[in-house]
PDB file of N, CA and C in Angstrom:
ATOM      1  N   MET A   1     -13.683  20.749 -35.890  1.00  0.00           N
ATOM      2  CA  MET A   1     -13.940  19.502 -35.212  1.00  0.00           C
ATOM      3  C   MET A   1     -12.670  18.643 -35.138  1.00  0.00           C
ATOM      4  N   GLN A   2     -11.955  18.559 -36.263  1.00  0.00           N
ATOM      5  CA  GLN A   2     -10.727  17.768 -36.269  1.00  0.00           C
ATOM      6  C   GLN A   2      -9.667  18.416 -35.390  1.00  0.00           C
ATOM      7  N   PHE A   3      -9.601  19.747 -35.400  1.00  0.00           N
ATOM      8  CA  PHE A   3      -8.636  20.447 -34.561  1.00  0.00           C
ATOM      9  C   PHE A   3      -8.925  20.180 -33.082  1.00  0.00           C
ATOM     10  N   THR A   4     -10.186  20.200 -32.707  1.00  0.00           N
ATOM     11  CA  THR A   4     -10.578  19.940 -31.324  1.00  0.00           C
ATOM     12  C   THR A   4     -10.218  18.511 -30.927  1.00  0.00           C
ATOM     13  N   LEU A   5     -10.468  17.580 -31.810  1.00  0.00           N
ATOM     14  CA  LEU A   5     -10.141  16.182 -31.535  1.00  0.00           C
ATOM     15  C   LEU A   5      -8.632  15.990 -31.413  1.00  0.00           C
ATOM     16  N   ALA A   6      -7.866  16.622 -32.289  1.00  0.00           N
ATOM     17  CA  ALA A   6      -6.406  16.513 -32.239  1.00  0.00           C
ATOM     18  C   ALA A   6      -5.860  17.160 -30.973  1.00  0.00           C
ATOM     19  N   THR A   7      -6.409  18.301 -30.592  1.00  0.00           N
ATOM     20  CA  THR A   7      -5.979  18.979 -29.370  1.00  0.00           C
ATOM     21  C   THR A   7      -6.312  18.143 -28.139  1.00  0.00           C
ATOM     22  N   PHE A   8      -7.499  17.580 -28.112  1.00  0.00           N
ATOM     23  CA  PHE A   8      -7.917  16.747 -26.989  1.00  0.00           C
ATOM     24  C   PHE A   8      -7.015  15.511 -26.867  1.00  0.00           C
ATOM     25  N   THR A   9      -6.685  14.878 -27.983  1.00  0.00           N
ATOM     26  CA  THR A   9      -5.813  13.698 -27.983  1.00  0.00           C
ATOM     27  C   THR A   9      -4.412  14.060 -27.507  1.00  0.00           C
ATOM     28  N   ALA A  10      -3.896  15.185 -27.965  1.00  0.00           N
ATOM     29  CA  ALA A  10      -2.568  15.625 -27.537  1.00  0.00           C
ATOM     30  C   ALA A  10      -2.551  15.932 -26.046  1.00  0.00           C
ATOM     31  N   LEU A  11      -3.595  16.563 -25.550  1.00  0.00           N
ATOM     32  CA  LEU A  11      -3.694  16.885 -24.130  1.00  0.00           C
ATOM     33  C   LEU A  11      -3.763  15.619 -23.283  1.00  0.00           C
ATOM     34  N   LEU A  12      -4.533  14.637 -23.736  1.00  0.00           N
ATOM     35  CA  LEU A  12      -4.602  13.364 -23.016  1.00  0.00           C
ATOM     36  C   LEU A  12      -3.256  12.658 -23.001  1.00  0.00           C
ATOM     37  N   SER A  13      -2.544  12.695 -24.095  1.00  0.00           N
ATOM     38  CA  SER A  13      -1.225  12.058 -24.168  1.00  0.00           C
ATOM     39  C   SER A  13      -0.251  12.702 -23.196  1.00  0.00           C
ATOM     40  N   LEU A  14      -0.260  14.022 -23.133  1.00  0.00           N
ATOM     41  CA  LEU A  14       0.649  14.727 -22.230  1.00  0.00           C
ATOM     42  C   LEU A  14       0.317  14.466 -20.767  1.00  0.00           C
ATOM     43  N   THR A  15      -0.959  14.468 -20.428  1.00  0.00           N
ATOM     44  CA  THR A  15      -1.333  14.238 -19.030  1.00  0.00           C
ATOM     45  C   THR A  15      -1.053  12.802 -18.606  1.00  0.00           C
ATOM     46  N   SER A  16      -1.251  11.846 -19.501  1.00  0.00           N
ATOM     47  CA  SER A  16      -0.958  10.461 -19.129  1.00  0.00           C
ATOM     48  C   SER A  16       0.545  10.241 -19.017  1.00  0.00           C
ATOM     49  N   ALA A  17       1.335  10.922 -19.823  1.00  0.00           N
ATOM     50  CA  ALA A  17       2.792  10.803 -19.727  1.00  0.00           C
ATOM     51  C   ALA A  17       3.299  11.432 -18.436  1.00  0.00           C
ATOM     52  N   ALA A  18       2.660  12.498 -17.994  1.00  0.00           N
ATOM     53  CA  ALA A  18       3.070  13.156 -16.760  1.00  0.00           C
ATOM     54  C   ALA A  18       2.678  12.341 -15.532  1.00  0.00           C
ATOM     55  N   ALA A  19       1.665  11.499 -15.653  1.00  0.00           N
ATOM     56  CA  ALA A  19       1.187  10.725 -14.512  1.00  0.00           C
ATOM     57  C   ALA A  19       2.040   9.489 -14.240  1.00  0.00           C
ATOM     58  N   VAL A  20       2.883   9.106 -15.176  1.00  0.00           N
ATOM     59  CA  VAL A  20       3.721   7.922 -14.998  1.00  0.00           C
ATOM     60  C   VAL A  20       4.830   8.250 -14.008  1.00  0.00           C
ATOM     61  N   THR A  21       4.990   7.419 -12.997  1.00  0.00           N
ATOM     62  CA  THR A  21       6.022   7.649 -11.999  1.00  0.00           C
ATOM     63  C   THR A  21       7.358   7.112 -12.488  1.00  0.00           C
ATOM     64  N   LYS A  22       8.405   7.690 -11.970  1.00  0.00           N
ATOM     65  CA  LYS A  22       9.742   7.249 -12.339  1.00  0.00           C
ATOM     66  C   LYS A  22      10.010   5.888 -11.709  1.00  0.00           C
ATOM     67  N   ARG A  23      10.558   5.000 -12.479  1.00  0.00           N
ATOM     68  CA  ARG A  23      10.855   3.657 -11.979  1.00  0.00           C
ATOM     69  C   ARG A  23      12.317   3.581 -11.576  1.00  0.00           C
ATOM     70  N   TYR A  24      12.557   2.915 -10.477  1.00  0.00           N
ATOM     71  CA  TYR A  24      13.911   2.735  -9.978  1.00  0.00           C
ATOM     72  C   TYR A  24      14.304   1.276 -10.154  1.00  0.00           C
ATOM     73  N   PRO A  25      15.549   1.012 -10.443  1.00  0.00           N
ATOM     74  CA  PRO A  25      15.964  -0.385 -10.606  1.00  0.00           C
ATOM     75  C   PRO A  25      15.919  -1.118  -9.265  1.00  0.00           C
ATOM     76  N   ALA A  26      15.581  -2.372  -9.324  1.00  0.00           N
ATOM     77  CA  ALA A  26      15.504  -3.183  -8.111  1.00  0.00           C
ATOM     78  C   ALA A  26      16.911  -3.534  -7.638  1.00  0.00           C
ATOM     79  N   THR A  27      17.076  -3.556  -6.323  1.00  0.00           N
ATOM     80  CA  THR A  27      18.348  -3.996  -5.765  1.00  0.00           C
ATOM     81  C   THR A  27      18.135  -5.378  -5.173  1.00  0.00           C
ATOM     82  N   LEU A  28      18.946  -6.290  -5.561  1.00  0.00           N
ATOM     83  CA  LEU A  28      18.824  -7.663  -5.098  1.00  0.00           C
ATOM     84  C   LEU A  28      19.737  -7.905  -3.912  1.00  0.00           C
ATOM     85  N   VAL A  29      19.249  -8.667  -2.960  1.00  0.00           N
ATOM     86  CA  VAL A  29      20.039  -9.046  -1.808  1.00  0.00           C
ATOM     87  C   VAL A  29      20.816 -10.303  -2.182  1.00  0.00           C
ATOM     88  N   GLU A  30      22.082 -10.299  -1.830  1.00  0.00           N
ATOM     89  CA  GLU A  30      22.921 -11.444  -2.162  1.00  0.00           C
ATOM     90  C   GLU A  30      22.491 -12.661  -1.358  1.00  0.00           C
ATOM     91  N   ARG A  31      22.343 -13.776  -2.031  1.00  0.00           N
ATOM     92  CA  ARG A  31      21.956 -15.010  -1.350  1.00  0.00           C
ATOM     93  C   ARG A  31      23.141 -15.615  -0.624  1.00  0.00           C
ATOM     94  N   GLN A  32      22.819 -16.312   0.460  1.00  0.00           N
ATOM     95  CA  GLN A  32      23.871 -17.058   1.127  1.00  0.00           C
ATOM     96  C   GLN A  32      24.160 -18.303   0.315  1.00  0.00           C
ATOM     97  N   SER A  33      25.401 -18.681   0.323  1.00  0.00           N
ATOM     98  CA  SER A  33      25.753 -19.894  -0.407  1.00  0.00           C
ATOM     99  C   SER A  33      25.180 -21.102   0.323  1.00  0.00           C
ATOM    100  N   GLY A  34      25.259 -22.236  -0.295  1.00  0.00           N
ATOM    101  CA  GLY A  34      24.662 -23.438   0.271  1.00  0.00           C
ATOM    102  C   GLY A  34      25.470 -24.048   1.393  1.00  0.00           C
ATOM    103  N   ILE A  35      25.756 -23.282   2.418  1.00  0.00           N
ATOM    104  CA  ILE A  35      26.526 -23.804   3.548  1.00  0.00           C
ATOM    105  C   ILE A  35      25.748 -24.911   4.242  1.00  0.00           C
ATOM    106  N   CYS A  36      24.472 -24.689   4.439  1.00  0.00           N
ATOM    107  CA  CYS A  36      23.642 -25.651   5.161  1.00  0.00           C
ATOM    108  C   CYS A  36      22.661 -26.384   4.257  1.00  0.00           C
ATOM    109  N   GLY A  37      22.727 -26.189   2.988  1.00  0.00           N
ATOM    110  CA  GLY A  37      21.775 -26.842   2.099  1.00  0.00           C
ATOM    111  C   GLY A  37      20.546 -25.979   1.887  1.00  0.00           C
ATOM    112  N   ALA A  38      19.595 -26.537   1.166  1.00  0.00           N
ATOM    113  CA  ALA A  38      18.419 -25.762   0.774  1.00  0.00           C
ATOM    114  C   ALA A  38      17.408 -25.587   1.902  1.00  0.00           C
ATOM    115  N   LEU A  39      17.319 -26.534   2.817  1.00  0.00           N
ATOM    116  CA  LEU A  39      16.260 -26.490   3.828  1.00  0.00           C
ATOM    117  C   LEU A  39      16.704 -25.967   5.186  1.00  0.00           C
ATOM    118  N   ALA A  40      17.999 -25.918   5.441  1.00  0.00           N
ATOM    119  CA  ALA A  40      18.484 -25.542   6.765  1.00  0.00           C
ATOM    120  C   ALA A  40      18.935 -24.084   6.787  1.00  0.00           C
ATOM    121  N   THR A  41      18.931 -23.518   7.985  1.00  0.00           N
ATOM    122  CA  THR A  41      19.332 -22.133   8.207  1.00  0.00           C
ATOM    123  C   THR A  41      20.589 -22.119   9.067  1.00  0.00           C
ATOM    124  N   PRO A  42      21.623 -21.363   8.678  1.00  0.00           N
ATOM    125  CA  PRO A  42      22.828 -21.300   9.508  1.00  0.00           C
ATOM    126  C   PRO A  42      22.588 -20.457  10.761  1.00  0.00           C
ATOM    127  N   LEU A  43      22.783 -21.067  11.917  1.00  0.00           N
ATOM    128  CA  LEU A  43      22.597 -20.388  13.199  1.00  0.00           C
ATOM    129  C   LEU A  43      23.807 -20.627  14.086  1.00  0.00           C
ATOM    130  N   CYS A  44      24.086 -19.675  14.963  1.00  0.00           N
ATOM    131  CA  CYS A  44      25.115 -19.824  15.989  1.00  0.00           C
ATOM    132  C   CYS A  44      24.391 -20.096  17.304  1.00  0.00           C
ATOM    133  N   CYS A  45      24.573 -21.290  17.861  1.00  0.00           N
ATOM    134  CA  CYS A  45      23.811 -21.710  19.045  1.00  0.00           C
ATOM    135  C   CYS A  45      24.742 -21.979  20.221  1.00  0.00           C
ATOM    136  N   GLN A  46      24.198 -21.796  21.442  1.00  0.00           N
ATOM    137  CA  GLN A  46      24.986 -22.011  22.646  1.00  0.00           C
ATOM    138  C   GLN A  46      24.832 -23.427  23.183  1.00  0.00           C
ATOM    139  N   THR A  47      23.629 -23.954  23.223  1.00  0.00           N
ATOM    140  CA  THR A  47      23.377 -25.245  23.853  1.00  0.00           C
ATOM    141  C   THR A  47      22.753 -26.204  22.857  1.00  0.00           C
ATOM    142  N   ASP A  48      23.310 -27.415  22.764  1.00  0.00           N
ATOM    143  CA  ASP A  48      22.782 -28.446  21.870  1.00  0.00           C
ATOM    144  C   ASP A  48      22.180 -29.555  22.721  1.00  0.00           C
ATOM    145  N   VAL A  49      20.927 -29.908  22.440  1.00  0.00           N
ATOM    146  CA  VAL A  49      20.248 -30.974  23.173  1.00  0.00           C
ATOM    147  C   VAL A  49      20.056 -32.154  22.225  1.00  0.00           C
ATOM    148  N   LEU A  50      21.044 -33.022  22.153  1.00  0.00           N
ATOM    149  CA  LEU A  50      21.012 -34.256  21.364  1.00  0.00           C
ATOM    150  C   LEU A  50      20.700 -34.029  19.883  1.00  0.00           C
ATOM    151  N   GLY A  51      21.012 -32.881  19.351  1.00  0.00           N
ATOM    152  CA  GLY A  51      20.775 -32.599  17.942  1.00  0.00           C
ATOM    153  C   GLY A  51      19.320 -32.347  17.589  1.00  0.00           C
ATOM    154  N   VAL A  52      18.441 -32.444  18.573  1.00  0.00           N
ATOM    155  CA  VAL A  52      17.016 -32.229  18.318  1.00  0.00           C
ATOM    156  C   VAL A  52      16.663 -30.763  18.510  1.00  0.00           C
ATOM    157  N   ALA A  53      17.167 -30.171  19.565  1.00  0.00           N
ATOM    158  CA  ALA A  53      16.873 -28.767  19.855  1.00  0.00           C
ATOM    159  C   ALA A  53      18.159 -28.054  20.243  1.00  0.00           C
ATOM    160  N   ASN A  54      18.307 -26.864  19.766  1.00  0.00           N
ATOM    161  CA  ASN A  54      19.418 -26.007  20.152  1.00  0.00           C
ATOM    162  C   ASN A  54      18.839 -24.750  20.770  1.00  0.00           C
ATOM    163  N   LEU A  55      19.435 -24.318  21.874  1.00  0.00           N
ATOM    164  CA  LEU A  55      18.909 -23.184  22.624  1.00  0.00           C
ATOM    165  C   LEU A  55      19.816 -21.971  22.468  1.00  0.00           C
ATOM    166  N   ASN A  56      19.241 -20.810  22.635  1.00  0.00           N
ATOM    167  CA  ASN A  56      19.951 -19.527  22.544  1.00  0.00           C
ATOM    168  C   ASN A  56      20.698 -19.391  21.222  1.00  0.00           C
ATOM    169  N   CYS A  57      19.961 -19.478  20.142  1.00  0.00           N
ATOM    170  CA  CYS A  57      20.554 -19.372  18.803  1.00  0.00           C
ATOM    171  C   CYS A  57      20.396 -17.955  18.265  1.00  0.00           C
ATOM    172  N   ALA A  58      21.328 -17.576  17.412  1.00  0.00           N
ATOM    173  CA  ALA A  58      21.273 -16.280  16.732  1.00  0.00           C
ATOM    174  C   ALA A  58      21.630 -16.490  15.272  1.00  0.00           C
ATOM    175  N   ASN A  59      21.140 -15.606  14.434  1.00  0.00           N
ATOM    176  CA  ASN A  59      21.443 -15.675  13.008  1.00  0.00           C
ATOM    177  C   ASN A  59      22.939 -15.485  12.807  1.00  0.00           C
ATOM    178  N   ALA A  60      23.505 -16.255  11.905  1.00  0.00           N
ATOM    179  CA  ALA A  60      24.944 -16.182  11.664  1.00  0.00           C
ATOM    180  C   ALA A  60      25.343 -14.898  10.956  1.00  0.00           C
ATOM    181  N   GLY A  61      24.409 -14.220  10.336  1.00  0.00           N
ATOM    182  CA  GLY A  61      24.708 -12.967   9.654  1.00  0.00           C
ATOM    183  C   GLY A  61      24.816 -13.150   8.153  1.00  0.00           C
ATOM    184  N   ALA A  62      24.867 -12.042   7.455  1.00  0.00           N
ATOM    185  CA  ALA A  62      24.933 -12.079   5.989  1.00  0.00           C
ATOM    186  C   ALA A  62      26.383 -12.047   5.531  1.00  0.00           C
ATOM    187  N   GLY A  63      26.595 -12.464   4.316  1.00  0.00           N
ATOM    188  CA  GLY A  63      27.924 -12.399   3.728  1.00  0.00           C
ATOM    189  C   GLY A  63      28.804 -13.590   4.013  1.00  0.00           C
ATOM    190  N   ILE A  64      28.254 -14.633   4.595  1.00  0.00           N
ATOM    191  CA  ILE A  64      29.040 -15.836   4.858  1.00  0.00           C
ATOM    192  C   ILE A  64      29.109 -16.639   3.566  1.00  0.00           C
ATOM    193  N   LYS A  65      30.324 -16.924   3.120  1.00  0.00           N
ATOM    194  CA  LYS A  65      30.494 -17.612   1.845  1.00  0.00           C
ATOM    195  C   LYS A  65      30.949 -19.062   2.007  1.00  0.00           C
ATOM    196  N   THR A  66      31.713 -19.341   3.037  1.00  0.00           N
ATOM    197  CA  THR A  66      32.260 -20.689   3.205  1.00  0.00           C
ATOM    198  C   THR A  66      31.937 -21.219   4.595  1.00  0.00           C
ATOM    199  N   THR A  67      32.137 -22.511   4.748  1.00  0.00           N
ATOM    200  CA  THR A  67      31.919 -23.135   6.054  1.00  0.00           C
ATOM    201  C   THR A  67      32.922 -22.606   7.070  1.00  0.00           C
ATOM    202  N   GLU A  68      34.140 -22.337   6.627  1.00  0.00           N
ATOM    203  CA  GLU A  68      35.162 -21.801   7.535  1.00  0.00           C
ATOM    204  C   GLU A  68      34.754 -20.430   8.068  1.00  0.00           C
ATOM    205  N   ASP A  69      34.182 -19.596   7.202  1.00  0.00           N
ATOM    206  CA  ASP A  69      33.679 -18.289   7.650  1.00  0.00           C
ATOM    207  C   ASP A  69      32.563 -18.460   8.675  1.00  0.00           C
ATOM    208  N   PHE A  70      31.674 -19.399   8.410  1.00  0.00           N
ATOM    209  CA  PHE A  70      30.556 -19.676   9.313  1.00  0.00           C
ATOM    210  C   PHE A  70      31.073 -20.113  10.680  1.00  0.00           C
ATOM    211  N   LEU A  71      32.034 -21.029  10.694  1.00  0.00           N
ATOM    212  CA  LEU A  71      32.608 -21.502  11.955  1.00  0.00           C
ATOM    213  C   LEU A  71      33.323 -20.368  12.689  1.00  0.00           C
ATOM    214  N   ALA A  72      34.033 -19.509  11.955  1.00  0.00           N
ATOM    215  CA  ALA A  72      34.772 -18.406  12.581  1.00  0.00           C
ATOM    216  C   ALA A  72      33.832 -17.369  13.186  1.00  0.00           C
ATOM    217  N   VAL A  73      32.737 -17.054  12.487  1.00  0.00           N
ATOM    218  CA  VAL A  73      31.775 -16.069  13.004  1.00  0.00           C
ATOM    219  C   VAL A  73      31.160 -16.565  14.305  1.00  0.00           C
ATOM    220  N   CYS A  74      30.794 -17.833  14.346  1.00  0.00           N
ATOM    221  CA  CYS A  74      30.191 -18.383  15.563  1.00  0.00           C
ATOM    222  C   CYS A  74      31.219 -18.522  16.684  1.00  0.00           C
ATOM    223  N   ALA A  75      32.461 -18.855  16.342  1.00  0.00           N
ATOM    224  CA  ALA A  75      33.499 -19.027  17.362  1.00  0.00           C
ATOM    225  C   ALA A  75      33.830 -17.711  18.059  1.00  0.00           C
ATOM    226  N   LYS A  76      33.663 -16.575  17.365  1.00  0.00           N
ATOM    227  CA  LYS A  76      33.918 -15.270  17.989  1.00  0.00           C
ATOM    228  C   LYS A  76      33.032 -15.052  19.203  1.00  0.00           C
ATOM    229  N   ASP A  77      31.784 -15.537  19.129  1.00  0.00           N
ATOM    230  CA  ASP A  77      30.834 -15.364  20.227  1.00  0.00           C
ATOM    231  C   ASP A  77      30.874 -16.513  21.223  1.00  0.00           C
ATOM    232  N   GLY A  78      31.688 -17.531  20.962  1.00  0.00           N
ATOM    233  CA  GLY A  78      31.736 -18.688  21.844  1.00  0.00           C
ATOM    234  C   GLY A  78      30.579 -19.643  21.621  1.00  0.00           C
ATOM    235  N   THR A  79      29.973 -19.599  20.437  1.00  0.00           N
ATOM    236  CA  THR A  79      28.862 -20.492  20.119  1.00  0.00           C
ATOM    237  C   THR A  79      29.308 -21.497  19.064  1.00  0.00           C
ATOM    238  N   THR A  80      28.452 -22.483  18.805  1.00  0.00           N
ATOM    239  CA  THR A  80      28.761 -23.490  17.799  1.00  0.00           C
ATOM    240  C   THR A  80      27.947 -23.224  16.541  1.00  0.00           C
ATOM    241  N   ALA A  81      28.537 -23.551  15.410  1.00  0.00           N
ATOM    242  CA  ALA A  81      27.872 -23.370  14.120  1.00  0.00           C
ATOM    243  C   ALA A  81      26.934 -24.543  13.885  1.00  0.00           C
ATOM    244  N   GLN A  82      25.649 -24.254  13.733  1.00  0.00           N
ATOM    245  CA  GLN A  82      24.640 -25.290  13.543  1.00  0.00           C
ATOM    246  C   GLN A  82      23.795 -24.968  12.316  1.00  0.00           C
ATOM    247  N   CYS A  83      23.367 -26.013  11.636  1.00  0.00           N
ATOM    248  CA  CYS A  83      22.437 -25.885  10.513  1.00  0.00           C
ATOM    249  C   CYS A  83      21.097 -26.433  10.986  1.00  0.00           C
ATOM    250  N   CYS A  84      20.129 -25.552  11.202  1.00  0.00           N
ATOM    251  CA  CYS A  84      18.845 -25.946  11.776  1.00  0.00           C
ATOM    252  C   CYS A  84      17.748 -25.899  10.715  1.00  0.00           C
ATOM    253  N   VAL A  85      16.942 -26.954  10.692  1.00  0.00           N
ATOM    254  CA  VAL A  85      15.857 -27.042   9.721  1.00  0.00           C
ATOM    255  C   VAL A  85      14.715 -26.113  10.108  1.00  0.00           C
ATOM    256  N   LEU A  86      14.447 -25.966  11.393  1.00  0.00           N
ATOM    257  CA  LEU A  86      13.309 -25.174  11.840  1.00  0.00           C
ATOM    258  C   LEU A  86      13.742 -24.171  12.911  1.00  0.00           C
ATOM    259  N   PRO A  87      14.131 -22.950  12.521  1.00  0.00           N
ATOM    260  CA  PRO A  87      14.473 -21.947  13.528  1.00  0.00           C
ATOM    261  C   PRO A  87      13.206 -21.345  14.135  1.00  0.00           C
ATOM    262  N   LEU A  88      13.132 -21.341  15.457  1.00  0.00           N
ATOM    263  CA  LEU A  88      11.968 -20.796  16.167  1.00  0.00           C
ATOM    264  C   LEU A  88      12.439 -19.745  17.162  1.00  0.00           C
ATOM    265  N   GLY A  89      12.375 -18.500  16.782  1.00  0.00           N
ATOM    266  CA  GLY A  89      12.805 -17.430  17.674  1.00  0.00           C
ATOM    267  C   GLY A  89      14.271 -17.568  18.018  1.00  0.00           C
ATOM    268  N   ALA A  90      14.571 -17.780  19.304  1.00  0.00           N
ATOM    269  CA  ALA A  90      15.956 -17.930  19.747  1.00  0.00           C
ATOM    270  C   ALA A  90      16.365 -19.393  19.846  1.00  0.00           C
ATOM    271  N   ASP A  91      15.556 -20.300  19.338  1.00  0.00           N
ATOM    272  CA  ASP A  91      15.853 -21.731  19.393  1.00  0.00           C
ATOM    273  C   ASP A  91      15.863 -22.310  17.985  1.00  0.00           C
ATOM    274  N   GLY A  92      16.483 -23.463  17.850  1.00  0.00           N
ATOM    275  CA  GLY A  92      16.501 -24.154  16.568  1.00  0.00           C
ATOM    276  C   GLY A  92      16.169 -25.615  16.767  1.00  0.00           C
ATOM    277  N   LEU A  93      15.374 -26.178  15.874  1.00  0.00           N
ATOM    278  CA  LEU A  93      14.997 -27.585  15.963  1.00  0.00           C
ATOM    279  C   LEU A  93      15.612 -28.358  14.807  1.00  0.00           C
ATOM    280  N   LEU A  94      15.927 -29.613  15.061  1.00  0.00           N
ATOM    281  CA  LEU A  94      16.522 -30.515  14.076  1.00  0.00           C
ATOM    282  C   LEU A  94      17.793 -29.913  13.490  1.00  0.00           C
ATOM    283  N   CYS A  95      18.805 -29.794  14.340  1.00  0.00           N
ATOM    284  CA  CYS A  95      20.048 -29.141  13.952  1.00  0.00           C
ATOM    285  C   CYS A  95      21.183 -30.144  13.799  1.00  0.00           C
ATOM    286  N   THR A  96      22.098 -29.817  12.914  1.00  0.00           N
ATOM    287  CA  THR A  96      23.328 -30.591  12.742  1.00  0.00           C
ATOM    288  C   THR A  96      24.494 -29.615  12.760  1.00  0.00           C
ATOM    289  N   ALA A  97      25.650 -30.117  13.157  1.00  0.00           N
ATOM    290  CA  ALA A  97      26.843 -29.274  13.179  1.00  0.00           C
ATOM    291  C   ALA A  97      27.277 -28.960  11.753  1.00  0.00           C
ATOM    292  N   ALA A  98      27.786 -27.756  11.570  1.00  0.00           N
ATOM    293  CA  ALA A  98      28.226 -27.347  10.217  1.00  0.00           C
ATOM    294  C   ALA A  98      29.560 -27.962   9.881  1.00  0.00           C
TER     295      ALA A  98
END
């Protein structure tokens, strides 16, 4: 009886150990620095309408560390660097110049 119980316990231990999946370490995405503050999103926009709405905006991209980098990335495309509180598709609302 004890042998059967010990064998059953060992078998359960082995099967539960085999059922555990291998864990992989998480990879973290680097955060953008506070170029535009906590609430605004850095966007490269073509048209500014009195600072309320910006049209034809695109994401500035990842890896921007400084304001100078942000301005240079947007200048390559002929757009202006804007910090928009509410990005909506290809437009941005409540924007300020970076």
